[in-house]
Amino acid sequence: MPDTKPLLKLTDVATLLGRSPETVRRDLHRNPAAVPPRVVIPGARHLRWSEQDVVAWLGKHTQGGQHD
């Protein structure tokens, strides 16, 4: 069964990353590797992220995190 947790909004992800929403939005276009992968919902313009994906991304991209 798919994850049924609510998706995170831009402001939620910005808070978790310690950045402004404008910086996260800009990084999506200029430097996509600087932000966690987002959930693409066909036909929707809203930016959304899976909490599980954000936590995993943070684990890989912070000091002391796991590296591939």
N, C-alpha and C. Protein backbone atom coordinates (compact mmCIF):
# COMPACT_ATOMS: atom_id res chain seq x y z
N MET A 1 0.85 -1.18 0.00
CA MET A 1 0.00 0.00 0.00
C MET A 1 0.90 1.25 0.00
N PRO A 2 0.56 2.24 -0.81
CA PRO A 2 1.40 3.45 -0.85
C PRO A 2 1.37 4.22 0.45
N ASP A 3 2.41 5.04 0.62
CA ASP A 3 2.52 5.89 1.80
C ASP A 3 1.34 6.86 1.82
N THR A 4 0.62 6.93 2.93
CA THR A 4 -0.56 7.79 2.99
C THR A 4 -0.34 9.04 3.84
N LYS A 5 0.92 9.30 4.20
CA LYS A 5 1.22 10.51 4.97
C LYS A 5 1.01 11.72 4.08
N PRO A 6 0.58 12.83 4.68
CA PRO A 6 0.43 14.05 3.87
C PRO A 6 1.78 14.48 3.28
N LEU A 7 1.73 15.02 2.10
CA LEU A 7 2.95 15.51 1.46
C LEU A 7 3.36 16.84 2.07
N LEU A 8 4.67 17.10 2.07
CA LEU A 8 5.20 18.35 2.60
C LEU A 8 5.08 19.46 1.56
N LYS A 9 4.81 20.66 2.03
CA LYS A 9 4.72 21.83 1.16
C LYS A 9 6.09 22.50 1.09
N LEU A 10 6.19 23.46 0.19
CA LEU A 10 7.44 24.22 0.01
C LEU A 10 7.92 24.82 1.33
N THR A 11 7.02 25.42 2.08
CA THR A 11 7.42 26.05 3.35
C THR A 11 7.92 25.01 4.35
N ASP A 12 7.33 23.82 4.35
CA ASP A 12 7.78 22.75 5.25
C ASP A 12 9.21 22.33 4.91
N VAL A 13 9.46 22.12 3.63
CA VAL A 13 10.79 21.69 3.20
C VAL A 13 11.82 22.79 3.46
N ALA A 14 11.45 24.03 3.19
CA ALA A 14 12.36 25.14 3.45
C ALA A 14 12.75 25.19 4.92
N THR A 15 11.79 25.00 5.80
CA THR A 15 12.07 25.00 7.23
C THR A 15 13.02 23.87 7.61
N LEU A 16 12.77 22.68 7.08
CA LEU A 16 13.64 21.54 7.38
C LEU A 16 15.06 21.75 6.88
N LEU A 17 15.20 22.46 5.76
CA LEU A 17 16.52 22.70 5.18
C LEU A 17 17.19 23.94 5.75
N GLY A 18 16.44 24.74 6.51
CA GLY A 18 17.00 25.98 7.05
C GLY A 18 17.21 27.03 5.98
N ARG A 19 16.37 27.02 4.97
CA ARG A 19 16.45 27.98 3.86
C ARG A 19 15.12 28.68 3.70
N SER A 20 15.12 29.74 2.93
CA SER A 20 13.86 30.41 2.64
C SER A 20 13.15 29.65 1.52
N PRO A 21 11.81 29.75 1.47
CA PRO A 21 11.09 29.12 0.37
C PRO A 21 11.57 29.60 -1.00
N GLU A 22 11.93 30.89 -1.09
CA GLU A 22 12.41 31.43 -2.36
C GLU A 22 13.72 30.76 -2.79
N THR A 23 14.60 30.49 -1.84
CA THR A 23 15.86 29.83 -2.15
C THR A 23 15.63 28.40 -2.62
N VAL A 24 14.73 27.68 -1.96
CA VAL A 24 14.42 26.31 -2.37
C VAL A 24 13.83 26.32 -3.78
N ARG A 25 12.92 27.22 -4.06
CA ARG A 25 12.30 27.31 -5.38
C ARG A 25 13.37 27.62 -6.45
N ARG A 26 14.26 28.55 -6.14
CA ARG A 26 15.32 28.91 -7.07
C ARG A 26 16.26 27.72 -7.31
N ASP A 27 16.61 27.01 -6.24
CA ASP A 27 17.49 25.85 -6.38
C ASP A 27 16.87 24.74 -7.21
N LEU A 28 15.56 24.62 -7.19
CA LEU A 28 14.90 23.61 -8.02
C LEU A 28 15.25 23.79 -9.49
N HIS A 29 15.43 25.03 -9.90
CA HIS A 29 15.72 25.32 -11.30
C HIS A 29 17.22 25.44 -11.57
N ARG A 30 17.95 26.11 -10.67
CA ARG A 30 19.37 26.38 -10.89
C ARG A 30 20.28 25.23 -10.48
N ASN A 31 19.94 24.57 -9.38
CA ASN A 31 20.79 23.53 -8.82
C ASN A 31 19.93 22.44 -8.19
N PRO A 32 19.29 21.62 -9.01
CA PRO A 32 18.36 20.61 -8.47
C PRO A 32 18.98 19.65 -7.46
N ALA A 33 20.29 19.45 -7.52
CA ALA A 33 20.94 18.55 -6.56
C ALA A 33 20.98 19.14 -5.15
N ALA A 34 20.68 20.44 -5.01
CA ALA A 34 20.74 21.12 -3.72
C ALA A 34 19.43 21.00 -2.93
N VAL A 35 18.47 20.29 -3.49
CA VAL A 35 17.18 20.10 -2.80
C VAL A 35 16.75 18.64 -2.94
N PRO A 36 15.96 18.15 -2.00
CA PRO A 36 15.47 16.77 -2.10
C PRO A 36 14.59 16.59 -3.34
N PRO A 37 14.50 15.36 -3.85
CA PRO A 37 13.63 15.11 -5.00
C PRO A 37 12.17 15.35 -4.60
N ARG A 38 11.43 15.99 -5.49
CA ARG A 38 10.04 16.29 -5.19
C ARG A 38 9.10 15.29 -5.82
N VAL A 39 7.89 15.27 -5.36
CA VAL A 39 6.84 14.43 -5.92
C VAL A 39 6.19 15.21 -7.06
N VAL A 40 6.14 14.60 -8.23
CA VAL A 40 5.50 15.24 -9.37
C VAL A 40 4.09 14.68 -9.50
N ILE A 41 3.11 15.56 -9.36
CA ILE A 41 1.72 15.16 -9.47
C ILE A 41 1.22 15.66 -10.82
N PRO A 42 0.89 14.75 -11.74
CA PRO A 42 0.45 15.18 -13.07
C PRO A 42 -0.71 16.17 -13.00
N GLY A 43 -0.58 17.25 -13.73
CA GLY A 43 -1.63 18.25 -13.80
C GLY A 43 -1.65 19.24 -12.65
N ALA A 44 -0.77 19.07 -11.68
CA ALA A 44 -0.74 19.97 -10.52
C ALA A 44 0.48 20.88 -10.60
N ARG A 45 0.31 22.12 -10.17
CA ARG A 45 1.41 23.07 -10.18
C ARG A 45 2.07 23.22 -8.81
N HIS A 46 1.46 22.65 -7.80
CA HIS A 46 2.00 22.77 -6.44
C HIS A 46 3.27 21.95 -6.28
N LEU A 47 4.19 22.48 -5.50
CA LEU A 47 5.42 21.75 -5.18
C LEU A 47 5.18 20.94 -3.92
N ARG A 48 5.44 19.65 -3.99
CA ARG A 48 5.23 18.76 -2.85
C ARG A 48 6.37 17.77 -2.74
N TRP A 49 6.64 17.34 -1.51
CA TRP A 49 7.69 16.38 -1.22
C TRP A 49 7.16 15.31 -0.28
N SER A 50 7.69 14.11 -0.41
CA SER A 50 7.43 13.03 0.53
C SER A 50 8.34 13.23 1.72
N GLU A 51 7.78 13.18 2.93
CA GLU A 51 8.60 13.35 4.13
C GLU A 51 9.71 12.30 4.18
N GLN A 52 9.39 11.09 3.79
CA GLN A 52 10.37 10.01 3.79
C GLN A 52 11.53 10.33 2.85
N ASP A 53 11.24 10.87 1.67
CA ASP A 53 12.29 11.24 0.72
C ASP A 53 13.17 12.36 1.25
N VAL A 54 12.55 13.35 1.90
CA VAL A 54 13.31 14.48 2.45
C VAL A 54 14.24 14.01 3.56
N VAL A 55 13.74 13.18 4.46
CA VAL A 55 14.55 12.67 5.56
C VAL A 55 15.72 11.83 5.02
N ALA A 56 15.45 11.00 4.02
CA ALA A 56 16.51 10.18 3.43
C ALA A 56 17.56 11.06 2.74
N TRP A 57 17.09 12.09 2.02
CA TRP A 57 18.00 13.01 1.34
C TRP A 57 18.88 13.75 2.36
N LEU A 58 18.26 14.21 3.44
CA LEU A 58 19.03 14.90 4.49
C LEU A 58 20.08 13.97 5.09
N GLY A 59 19.73 12.71 5.28
CA GLY A 59 20.68 11.74 5.82
C GLY A 59 21.91 11.55 4.94
N LYS A 60 21.71 11.67 3.63
CA LYS A 60 22.81 11.50 2.69
C LYS A 60 23.60 12.79 2.47
N HIS A 61 23.00 13.94 2.77
CA HIS A 61 23.62 15.21 2.42
C HIS A 61 24.02 16.07 3.62
N THR A 62 24.07 15.47 4.79
CA THR A 62 24.52 16.21 5.96
C THR A 62 25.77 15.51 6.51
N GLN A 63 26.59 16.27 7.21
CA GLN A 63 27.79 15.68 7.79
C GLN A 63 27.40 14.56 8.73
N GLY A 64 28.11 13.46 8.60
CA GLY A 64 27.82 12.31 9.43
C GLY A 64 26.72 11.44 8.84
N GLY A 65 26.15 11.86 7.71
CA GLY A 65 25.11 11.07 7.04
C GLY A 65 25.72 9.92 6.28
N GLN A 66 24.88 9.04 5.80
CA GLN A 66 25.35 7.89 5.03
C GLN A 66 25.66 8.34 3.62
N HIS A 67 26.71 7.78 3.06
CA HIS A 67 27.10 8.08 1.69
C HIS A 67 27.05 6.80 0.88
N ASP A 68 26.70 6.94 -0.40
CA ASP A 68 26.67 5.77 -1.29
C ASP A 68 28.05 5.23 -1.57
